[in-house]
Amino acid sequence: MKWPNESDEYRRARDDLLKLEIDLRRSEEAVAMQRRALPPGGEPPQDYVFDSADGPMWPLWPMLDRTPDGRGTDFEPLLEY
């Protein structure tokens, strides 16, 4: 593809950049595939809270036995304190 009035030098530079961008995207996808293939990590040793600019926030974690009726829910979203 060539745009009107572009120089050959510009086209070569754009084509080189496109090749690098394609390689980068392929590398990013390869890393993502490896990340998805990781085995499950360990459980945190205790409950924890994230510190944020807006104050403490709880992470996603299984909420079994954390509701008054003891049934819990599968997951509780991040909650602001």
PDB file of N, CA and C in Angstrom:
ATOM      1  N   MET A   1       0.846  -1.174   0.000  1.00  0.00           N
ATOM      2  CA  MET A   1       0.000   0.000   0.000  1.00  0.00           C
ATOM      3  C   MET A   1       0.893   1.239   0.000  1.00  0.00           C
ATOM      4  N   LYS A   2       0.554   2.172  -0.802  1.00  0.00           N
ATOM      5  CA  LYS A   2       1.326   3.396  -0.880  1.00  0.00           C
ATOM      6  C   LYS A   2       0.380   4.580  -0.884  1.00  0.00           C
ATOM      7  N   TRP A   3       0.670   5.533   0.006  1.00  0.00           N
ATOM      8  CA  TRP A   3      -0.140   6.732   0.081  1.00  0.00           C
ATOM      9  C   TRP A   3       0.336   7.749  -0.943  1.00  0.00           C
ATOM     10  N   PRO A   4      -0.557   8.614  -1.408  1.00  0.00           N
ATOM     11  CA  PRO A   4      -0.148   9.626  -2.382  1.00  0.00           C
ATOM     12  C   PRO A   4       0.976  10.504  -1.819  1.00  0.00           C
ATOM     13  N   ASN A   5       1.954  10.795  -2.654  1.00  0.00           N
ATOM     14  CA  ASN A   5       3.061  11.706  -2.351  1.00  0.00           C
ATOM     15  C   ASN A   5       4.010  11.209  -1.268  1.00  0.00           C
ATOM     16  N   GLU A   6       3.973   9.947  -0.865  1.00  0.00           N
ATOM     17  CA  GLU A   6       4.954   9.471   0.111  1.00  0.00           C
ATOM     18  C   GLU A   6       6.235   9.097  -0.614  1.00  0.00           C
ATOM     19  N   SER A   7       7.339   9.307   0.044  1.00  0.00           N
ATOM     20  CA  SER A   7       8.631   8.985  -0.568  1.00  0.00           C
ATOM     21  C   SER A   7       8.934   7.506  -0.396  1.00  0.00           C
ATOM     22  N   ASP A   8       9.865   7.029  -1.211  1.00  0.00           N
ATOM     23  CA  ASP A   8      10.292   5.634  -1.077  1.00  0.00           C
ATOM     24  C   ASP A   8      10.941   5.404   0.287  1.00  0.00           C
ATOM     25  N   GLU A   9      11.686   6.389   0.774  1.00  0.00           N
ATOM     26  CA  GLU A   9      12.318   6.282   2.086  1.00  0.00           C
ATOM     27  C   GLU A   9      11.270   6.130   3.187  1.00  0.00           C
ATOM     28  N   TYR A  10      10.214   6.927   3.105  1.00  0.00           N
ATOM     29  CA  TYR A  10       9.128   6.840   4.091  1.00  0.00           C
ATOM     30  C   TYR A  10       8.464   5.464   4.029  1.00  0.00           C
ATOM     31  N   ARG A  11       8.181   4.962   2.833  1.00  0.00           N
ATOM     32  CA  ARG A  11       7.522   3.665   2.689  1.00  0.00           C
ATOM     33  C   ARG A  11       8.386   2.559   3.269  1.00  0.00           C
ATOM     34  N   ARG A  12       9.706   2.586   2.995  1.00  0.00           N
ATOM     35  CA  ARG A  12      10.599   1.559   3.550  1.00  0.00           C
ATOM     36  C   ARG A  12      10.579   1.615   5.082  1.00  0.00           C
ATOM     37  N   ALA A  13      10.644   2.820   5.637  1.00  0.00           N
ATOM     38  CA  ALA A  13      10.630   2.963   7.096  1.00  0.00           C
ATOM     39  C   ALA A  13       9.310   2.463   7.676  1.00  0.00           C
ATOM     40  N   ARG A  14       8.201   2.771   7.038  1.00  0.00           N
ATOM     41  CA  ARG A  14       6.891   2.300   7.515  1.00  0.00           C
ATOM     42  C   ARG A  14       6.796   0.785   7.418  1.00  0.00           C
ATOM     43  N   ASP A  15       7.283   0.202   6.343  1.00  0.00           N
ATOM     44  CA  ASP A  15       7.246  -1.258   6.197  1.00  0.00           C
ATOM     45  C   ASP A  15       8.117  -1.931   7.260  1.00  0.00           C
ATOM     46  N   ASP A  16       9.305  -1.347   7.538  1.00  0.00           N
ATOM     47  CA  ASP A  16      10.164  -1.899   8.590  1.00  0.00           C
ATOM     48  C   ASP A  16       9.459  -1.823   9.947  1.00  0.00           C
ATOM     49  N   LEU A  17       8.819  -0.702  10.211  1.00  0.00           N
ATOM     50  CA  LEU A  17       8.092  -0.537  11.467  1.00  0.00           C
ATOM     51  C   LEU A  17       6.940  -1.541  11.568  1.00  0.00           C
ATOM     52  N   LEU A  18       6.229  -1.749  10.484  1.00  0.00           N
ATOM     53  CA  LEU A  18       5.125  -2.714  10.483  1.00  0.00           C
ATOM     54  C   LEU A  18       5.630  -4.113  10.820  1.00  0.00           C
ATOM     55  N   LYS A  19       6.778  -4.501  10.256  1.00  0.00           N
ATOM     56  CA  LYS A  19       7.344  -5.817  10.569  1.00  0.00           C
ATOM     57  C   LYS A  19       7.659  -5.932  12.060  1.00  0.00           C
ATOM     58  N   LEU A  20       8.243  -4.871  12.629  1.00  0.00           N
ATOM     59  CA  LEU A  20       8.541  -4.884  14.056  1.00  0.00           C
ATOM     60  C   LEU A  20       7.267  -4.959  14.895  1.00  0.00           C
ATOM     61  N   GLU A  21       6.237  -4.236  14.487  1.00  0.00           N
ATOM     62  CA  GLU A  21       4.972  -4.269  15.218  1.00  0.00           C
ATOM     63  C   GLU A  21       4.341  -5.660  15.168  1.00  0.00           C
ATOM     64  N   ILE A  22       4.429  -6.327  14.038  1.00  0.00           N
ATOM     65  CA  ILE A  22       3.899  -7.688  13.906  1.00  0.00           C
ATOM     66  C   ILE A  22       4.684  -8.636  14.813  1.00  0.00           C
ATOM     67  N   ASP A  23       6.021  -8.506  14.813  1.00  0.00           N
ATOM     68  CA  ASP A  23       6.849  -9.348  15.692  1.00  0.00           C
ATOM     69  C   ASP A  23       6.518  -9.099  17.160  1.00  0.00           C
ATOM     70  N   LEU A  24       6.323  -7.833  17.525  1.00  0.00           N
ATOM     71  CA  LEU A  24       5.976  -7.496  18.905  1.00  0.00           C
ATOM     72  C   LEU A  24       4.657  -8.150  19.305  1.00  0.00           C
ATOM     73  N   ARG A  25       3.677  -8.062  18.447  1.00  0.00           N
ATOM     74  CA  ARG A  25       2.360  -8.653  18.754  1.00  0.00           C
ATOM     75  C   ARG A  25       2.469 -10.164  18.922  1.00  0.00           C
ATOM     76  N   ARG A  26       3.259 -10.795  18.085  1.00  0.00           N
ATOM     77  CA  ARG A  26       3.449 -12.243  18.211  1.00  0.00           C
ATOM     78  C   ARG A  26       4.155 -12.594  19.520  1.00  0.00           C
ATOM     79  N   SER A  27       5.134 -11.785  19.897  1.00  0.00           N
ATOM     80  CA  SER A  27       5.834 -12.011  21.167  1.00  0.00           C
ATOM     81  C   SER A  27       4.892 -11.824  22.349  1.00  0.00           C
ATOM     82  N   GLU A  28       4.060 -10.779  22.294  1.00  0.00           N
ATOM     83  CA  GLU A  28       3.096 -10.552  23.381  1.00  0.00           C
ATOM     84  C   GLU A  28       2.144 -11.733  23.514  1.00  0.00           C
ATOM     85  N   GLU A  29       1.697 -12.272  22.394  1.00  0.00           N
ATOM     86  CA  GLU A  29       0.776 -13.409  22.455  1.00  0.00           C
ATOM     87  C   GLU A  29       1.481 -14.651  22.983  1.00  0.00           C
ATOM     88  N   ALA A  30       2.746 -14.848  22.631  1.00  0.00           N
ATOM     89  CA  ALA A  30       3.496 -15.998  23.147  1.00  0.00           C
ATOM     90  C   ALA A  30       3.641 -15.904  24.663  1.00  0.00           C
ATOM     91  N   VAL A  31       3.919 -14.705  25.170  1.00  0.00           N
ATOM     92  CA  VAL A  31       4.017 -14.510  26.620  1.00  0.00           C
ATOM     93  C   VAL A  31       2.669 -14.775  27.276  1.00  0.00           C
ATOM     94  N   ALA A  32       1.591 -14.283  26.670  1.00  0.00           N
ATOM     95  CA  ALA A  32       0.252 -14.496  27.227  1.00  0.00           C
ATOM     96  C   ALA A  32      -0.087 -15.989  27.270  1.00  0.00           C
ATOM     97  N   MET A  33       0.299 -16.728  26.250  1.00  0.00           N
ATOM     98  CA  MET A  33       0.038 -18.173  26.239  1.00  0.00           C
ATOM     99  C   MET A  33       0.796 -18.862  27.375  1.00  0.00           C
ATOM    100  N   GLN A  34       2.047 -18.454  27.590  1.00  0.00           N
ATOM    101  CA  GLN A  34       2.811 -19.041  28.690  1.00  0.00           C
ATOM    102  C   GLN A  34       2.185 -18.692  30.037  1.00  0.00           C
ATOM    103  N   ARG A  35       1.709 -17.461  30.172  1.00  0.00           N
ATOM    104  CA  ARG A  35       1.077 -17.046  31.432  1.00  0.00           C
ATOM    105  C   ARG A  35      -0.175 -17.882  31.680  1.00  0.00           C
ATOM    106  N   ARG A  36      -0.987 -18.090  30.646  1.00  0.00           N
ATOM    107  CA  ARG A  36      -2.213 -18.879  30.815  1.00  0.00           C
ATOM    108  C   ARG A  36      -1.908 -20.340  31.126  1.00  0.00           C
ATOM    109  N   ALA A  37      -0.729 -20.828  30.710  1.00  0.00           N
ATOM    110  CA  ALA A  37      -0.367 -22.227  30.931  1.00  0.00           C
ATOM    111  C   ALA A  37       0.280 -22.468  32.294  1.00  0.00           C
ATOM    112  N   LEU A  38       0.526 -21.413  33.062  1.00  0.00           N
ATOM    113  CA  LEU A  38       1.139 -21.603  34.380  1.00  0.00           C
ATOM    114  C   LEU A  38       0.251 -22.481  35.265  1.00  0.00           C
ATOM    115  N   PRO A  39       0.867 -23.322  36.072  1.00  0.00           N
ATOM    116  CA  PRO A  39       0.066 -24.098  37.023  1.00  0.00           C
ATOM    117  C   PRO A  39      -0.478 -23.162  38.100  1.00  0.00           C
ATOM    118  N   PRO A  40      -1.494 -23.584  38.825  1.00  0.00           N
ATOM    119  CA  PRO A  40      -2.033 -22.732  39.892  1.00  0.00           C
ATOM    120  C   PRO A  40      -0.949 -22.375  40.908  1.00  0.00           C
ATOM    121  N   GLY A  41      -0.996 -21.160  41.385  1.00  0.00           N
ATOM    122  CA  GLY A  41      -0.045 -20.715  42.402  1.00  0.00           C
ATOM    123  C   GLY A  41      -0.515 -21.128  43.785  1.00  0.00           C
ATOM    124  N   GLY A  42       0.272 -20.794  44.768  1.00  0.00           N
ATOM    125  CA  GLY A  42      -0.071 -21.143  46.137  1.00  0.00           C
ATOM    126  C   GLY A  42      -1.130 -20.214  46.700  1.00  0.00           C
ATOM    127  N   GLU A  43      -1.817 -20.692  47.705  1.00  0.00           N
ATOM    128  CA  GLU A  43      -2.806 -19.880  48.410  1.00  0.00           C
ATOM    129  C   GLU A  43      -2.081 -18.877  49.286  1.00  0.00           C
ATOM    130  N   PRO A  44      -2.614 -17.674  49.420  1.00  0.00           N
ATOM    131  CA  PRO A  44      -1.997 -16.732  50.349  1.00  0.00           C
ATOM    132  C   PRO A  44      -2.082 -17.282  51.771  1.00  0.00           C
ATOM    133  N   PRO A  45      -1.063 -17.036  52.600  1.00  0.00           N
ATOM    134  CA  PRO A  45      -1.058 -17.615  53.934  1.00  0.00           C
ATOM    135  C   PRO A  45      -2.136 -17.039  54.849  1.00  0.00           C
ATOM    136  N   GLN A  46      -2.654 -15.873  54.510  1.00  0.00           N
ATOM    137  CA  GLN A  46      -3.698 -15.255  55.334  1.00  0.00           C
ATOM    138  C   GLN A  46      -4.429 -14.228  54.483  1.00  0.00           C
ATOM    139  N   ASP A  47      -5.552 -13.748  54.979  1.00  0.00           N
ATOM    140  CA  ASP A  47      -6.260 -12.692  54.271  1.00  0.00           C
ATOM    141  C   ASP A  47      -5.372 -11.464  54.202  1.00  0.00           C
ATOM    142  N   TYR A  48      -5.552 -10.686  53.181  1.00  0.00           N
ATOM    143  CA  TYR A  48      -4.755  -9.484  53.031  1.00  0.00           C
ATOM    144  C   TYR A  48      -5.595  -8.393  52.394  1.00  0.00           C
ATOM    145  N   VAL A  49      -5.081  -7.179  52.463  1.00  0.00           N
ATOM    146  CA  VAL A  49      -5.773  -6.004  51.947  1.00  0.00           C
ATOM    147  C   VAL A  49      -4.780  -5.225  51.092  1.00  0.00           C
ATOM    148  N   PHE A  50      -5.233  -4.736  49.924  1.00  0.00           N
ATOM    149  CA  PHE A  50      -4.391  -3.880  49.100  1.00  0.00           C
ATOM    150  C   PHE A  50      -4.467  -2.451  49.612  1.00  0.00           C
ATOM    151  N   ASP A  51      -3.331  -1.770  49.642  1.00  0.00           N
ATOM    152  CA  ASP A  51      -3.318  -0.344  49.923  1.00  0.00           C
ATOM    153  C   ASP A  51      -3.465   0.381  48.591  1.00  0.00           C
ATOM    154  N   SER A  52      -4.364   1.345  48.545  1.00  0.00           N
ATOM    155  CA  SER A  52      -4.534   2.134  47.332  1.00  0.00           C
ATOM    156  C   SER A  52      -4.608   3.605  47.704  1.00  0.00           C
ATOM    157  N   ALA A  53      -4.562   4.446  46.703  1.00  0.00           N
ATOM    158  CA  ALA A  53      -4.645   5.885  46.952  1.00  0.00           C
ATOM    159  C   ALA A  53      -5.980   6.248  47.599  1.00  0.00           C
ATOM    160  N   ASP A  54      -7.002   5.432  47.360  1.00  0.00           N
ATOM    161  CA  ASP A  54      -8.334   5.692  47.924  1.00  0.00           C
ATOM    162  C   ASP A  54      -8.566   4.967  49.249  1.00  0.00           C
ATOM    163  N   GLY A  55      -7.549   4.326  49.769  1.00  0.00           N
ATOM    164  CA  GLY A  55      -7.699   3.587  51.015  1.00  0.00           C
ATOM    165  C   GLY A  55      -7.609   2.091  50.771  1.00  0.00           C
ATOM    166  N   PRO A  56      -7.824   1.283  51.803  1.00  0.00           N
ATOM    167  CA  PRO A  56      -7.683  -0.168  51.666  1.00  0.00           C
ATOM    168  C   PRO A  56      -8.752  -0.777  50.748  1.00  0.00           C
ATOM    169  N   MET A  57      -8.339  -1.807  50.009  1.00  0.00           N
ATOM    170  CA  MET A  57      -9.252  -2.547  49.135  1.00  0.00           C
ATOM    171  C   MET A  57      -8.945  -4.031  49.274  1.00  0.00           C
ATOM    172  N   TRP A  58      -9.985  -4.842  49.336  1.00  0.00           N
ATOM    173  CA  TRP A  58      -9.824  -6.285  49.449  1.00  0.00           C
ATOM    174  C   TRP A  58      -9.771  -6.897  48.055  1.00  0.00           C
ATOM    175  N   PRO A  59      -8.946  -7.927  47.878  1.00  0.00           N
ATOM    176  CA  PRO A  59      -8.843  -8.590  46.563  1.00  0.00           C
ATOM    177  C   PRO A  59     -10.001  -9.558  46.336  1.00  0.00           C
ATOM    178  N   LEU A  60     -10.029 -10.120  45.117  1.00  0.00           N
ATOM    179  CA  LEU A  60     -10.957 -11.220  44.853  1.00  0.00           C
ATOM    180  C   LEU A  60     -10.484 -12.431  45.646  1.00  0.00           C
ATOM    181  N   TRP A  61     -11.361 -13.052  46.354  1.00  0.00           N
ATOM    182  CA  TRP A  61     -11.008 -14.289  47.052  1.00  0.00           C
ATOM    183  C   TRP A  61     -12.278 -15.096  47.271  1.00  0.00           C
ATOM    184  N   PRO A  62     -12.133 -16.408  47.404  1.00  0.00           N
ATOM    185  CA  PRO A  62     -13.325 -17.211  47.705  1.00  0.00           C
ATOM    186  C   PRO A  62     -13.934 -16.733  49.020  1.00  0.00           C
ATOM    187  N   MET A  63     -15.243 -16.619  49.040  1.00  0.00           N
ATOM    188  CA  MET A  63     -15.911 -16.089  50.229  1.00  0.00           C
ATOM    189  C   MET A  63     -16.654 -17.174  51.001  1.00  0.00           C
ATOM    190  N   LEU A  64     -16.202 -18.401  50.900  1.00  0.00           N
ATOM    191  CA  LEU A  64     -16.855 -19.473  51.642  1.00  0.00           C
ATOM    192  C   LEU A  64     -16.733 -19.207  53.135  1.00  0.00           C
ATOM    193  N   ASP A  65     -17.778 -19.489  53.850  1.00  0.00           N
ATOM    194  CA  ASP A  65     -17.825 -19.301  55.305  1.00  0.00           C
ATOM    195  C   ASP A  65     -17.586 -17.858  55.745  1.00  0.00           C
ATOM    196  N   ARG A  66     -17.874 -16.901  54.878  1.00  0.00           N
ATOM    197  CA  ARG A  66     -17.695 -15.510  55.264  1.00  0.00           C
ATOM    198  C   ARG A  66     -19.014 -14.754  55.265  1.00  0.00           C
ATOM    199  N   THR A  67     -20.094 -15.447  55.081  1.00  0.00           N
ATOM    200  CA  THR A  67     -21.393 -14.796  55.136  1.00  0.00           C
ATOM    201  C   THR A  67     -22.099 -15.274  56.399  1.00  0.00           C
ATOM    202  N   PRO A  68     -23.069 -14.512  56.894  1.00  0.00           N
ATOM    203  CA  PRO A  68     -23.743 -14.886  58.157  1.00  0.00           C
ATOM    204  C   PRO A  68     -24.322 -16.294  58.145  1.00  0.00           C
ATOM    205  N   ASP A  69     -24.813 -16.761  56.989  1.00  0.00           N
ATOM    206  CA  ASP A  69     -25.419 -18.100  56.969  1.00  0.00           C
ATOM    207  C   ASP A  69     -24.381 -19.203  56.730  1.00  0.00           C
ATOM    208  N   GLY A  70     -23.095 -18.819  56.525  1.00  0.00           N
ATOM    209  CA  GLY A  70     -22.037 -19.808  56.352  1.00  0.00           C
ATOM    210  C   GLY A  70     -21.944 -20.402  54.965  1.00  0.00           C
ATOM    211  N   ARG A  71     -22.886 -20.040  54.070  1.00  0.00           N
ATOM    212  CA  ARG A  71     -22.839 -20.609  52.722  1.00  0.00           C
ATOM    213  C   ARG A  71     -21.809 -19.921  51.851  1.00  0.00           C
ATOM    214  N   GLY A  72     -21.610 -18.623  52.027  1.00  0.00           N
ATOM    215  CA  GLY A  72     -20.645 -17.880  51.236  1.00  0.00           C
ATOM    216  C   GLY A  72     -21.083 -17.741  49.788  1.00  0.00           C
ATOM    217  N   THR A  73     -20.227 -17.154  49.013  1.00  0.00           N
ATOM    218  CA  THR A  73     -20.429 -17.020  47.576  1.00  0.00           C
ATOM    219  C   THR A  73     -19.161 -17.507  46.911  1.00  0.00           C
ATOM    220  N   ASP A  74     -19.200 -17.707  45.604  1.00  0.00           N
ATOM    221  CA  ASP A  74     -18.002 -18.182  44.906  1.00  0.00           C
ATOM    222  C   ASP A  74     -16.880 -17.155  44.996  1.00  0.00           C
ATOM    223  N   PHE A  75     -17.176 -15.927  44.605  1.00  0.00           N
ATOM    224  CA  PHE A  75     -16.164 -14.878  44.653  1.00  0.00           C
ATOM    225  C   PHE A  75     -16.815 -13.559  45.020  1.00  0.00           C
ATOM    226  N   GLU A  76     -16.091 -12.767  45.729  1.00  0.00           N
ATOM    227  CA  GLU A  76     -16.555 -11.425  46.115  1.00  0.00           C
ATOM    228  C   GLU A  76     -15.652 -10.429  45.382  1.00  0.00           C
ATOM    229  N   PRO A  77     -16.206  -9.412  44.753  1.00  0.00           N
ATOM    230  CA  PRO A  77     -15.361  -8.444  44.036  1.00  0.00           C
ATOM    231  C   PRO A  77     -14.549  -7.594  45.000  1.00  0.00           C
ATOM    232  N   LEU A  78     -13.637  -6.807  44.435  1.00  0.00           N
ATOM    233  CA  LEU A  78     -12.882  -5.871  45.257  1.00  0.00           C
ATOM    234  C   LEU A  78     -13.834  -4.963  46.006  1.00  0.00           C
ATOM    235  N   LEU A  79     -13.631  -4.834  47.265  1.00  0.00           N
ATOM    236  CA  LEU A  79     -14.507  -3.997  48.095  1.00  0.00           C
ATOM    237  C   LEU A  79     -13.695  -2.873  48.696  1.00  0.00           C
ATOM    238  N   GLU A  80     -14.220  -1.677  48.625  1.00  0.00           N
ATOM    239  CA  GLU A  80     -13.551  -0.554  49.269  1.00  0.00           C
ATOM    240  C   GLU A  80     -13.903  -0.548  50.745  1.00  0.00           C
ATOM    241  N   TYR A  81     -12.963  -0.177  51.564  1.00  0.00           N
ATOM    242  CA  TYR A  81     -13.150  -0.148  53.002  1.00  0.00           C
ATOM    243  C   TYR A  81     -13.888   1.114  53.383  1.00  0.00           C
TER     244      TYR A  81
END
